[in-house]
């Protein structure tokens, strides 16, 4: 399966230090990569099924993050 690169950009004002954002973006990238891998390996095509199968484990691994980061 060929892969493609997607680049997203956004403009916003920072309330966080750049170092804090680096940590947050790294963590978020780990979560997204986990979700993509899980969906691909388990043939998940539904947002709701993906959330149902992964939310509890992500909540345990990242209890400090707001819940909307995990689904």
Protein backbone atom coordinates (compact mmCIF):
# COMPACT_ATOMS: atom_id res chain seq x y z
CA UNK A 1 0.00 0.00 0.00
CA UNK A 2 1.60 3.30 -1.03
CA UNK A 3 1.94 5.91 1.65
CA UNK A 4 1.39 9.59 1.18
CA UNK A 5 2.53 12.59 3.16
CA UNK A 6 -0.02 15.02 4.49
CA UNK A 7 1.04 18.40 5.86
CA UNK A 8 -1.28 20.39 8.07
CA UNK A 9 -0.65 23.99 9.08
CA UNK A 10 -2.34 26.26 11.58
CA UNK A 11 -1.85 29.78 12.88
CA UNK A 12 -2.49 30.55 16.55
CA UNK A 13 -1.24 32.53 19.54
CA UNK A 14 0.88 30.65 22.06
CA UNK A 15 -0.05 30.43 25.72
CA UNK A 16 2.53 27.69 26.19
CA UNK A 17 6.30 27.79 25.90
CA UNK A 18 7.73 26.41 22.66
CA UNK A 19 9.32 23.56 24.66
CA UNK A 20 5.94 22.66 26.16
CA UNK A 21 4.40 22.60 22.70
CA UNK A 22 7.15 20.32 21.44
CA UNK A 23 6.28 17.82 24.16
CA UNK A 24 2.55 18.13 23.46
CA UNK A 25 2.96 17.73 19.69
CA UNK A 26 5.28 14.73 20.17
CA UNK A 27 2.73 13.08 22.45
CA UNK A 28 -0.13 13.86 20.08
CA UNK A 29 1.87 12.45 17.15
CA UNK A 30 2.45 9.22 19.13
CA UNK A 31 -1.30 8.94 19.77
CA UNK A 32 -2.23 9.55 16.13
CA UNK A 33 0.36 7.04 14.90
CA UNK A 34 -0.95 4.46 17.38
CA UNK A 35 -4.53 5.04 16.19
CA UNK A 36 -3.56 4.80 12.52
CA UNK A 37 -1.62 1.58 13.11
CA UNK A 38 -4.45 0.07 15.14
CA UNK A 39 -7.05 1.00 12.51
CA UNK A 40 -4.95 -0.41 9.67
CA UNK A 41 -4.00 -3.66 11.43
CA UNK A 42 -7.58 -4.31 12.61
CA UNK A 43 -9.38 -3.11 9.48
CA UNK A 44 -11.19 -0.39 11.43
CA UNK A 45 -12.97 2.11 9.19
CA UNK A 46 -15.35 3.62 11.73
CA UNK A 47 -14.41 6.48 14.05
CA UNK A 48 -16.72 5.10 16.73
CA UNK A 49 -15.26 1.60 16.55
CA UNK A 50 -11.72 3.00 16.71
CA UNK A 51 -12.64 5.06 19.77
CA UNK A 52 -14.33 2.08 21.44
CA UNK A 53 -11.32 -0.17 20.88
CA UNK A 54 -8.60 2.29 21.93
CA UNK A 55 -9.93 4.94 24.30
CA UNK A 56 -9.49 3.06 27.60
CA UNK A 57 -5.90 2.03 26.91
CA UNK A 58 -4.99 5.55 25.77
CA UNK A 59 -6.67 7.04 28.85
CA UNK A 60 -4.53 4.76 31.07
CA UNK A 61 -1.35 5.66 29.19
CA UNK A 62 -2.04 9.42 29.05
CA UNK A 63 -4.14 10.29 32.14
CA UNK A 64 -2.82 13.87 32.18
CA UNK A 65 -4.25 14.76 28.76
CA UNK A 66 -7.75 16.12 28.18
CA UNK A 67 -10.05 13.38 26.90
CA UNK A 68 -10.66 15.10 23.55
CA UNK A 69 -7.00 14.50 22.65
CA UNK A 70 -7.63 10.76 22.80
CA UNK A 71 -10.50 10.44 20.36
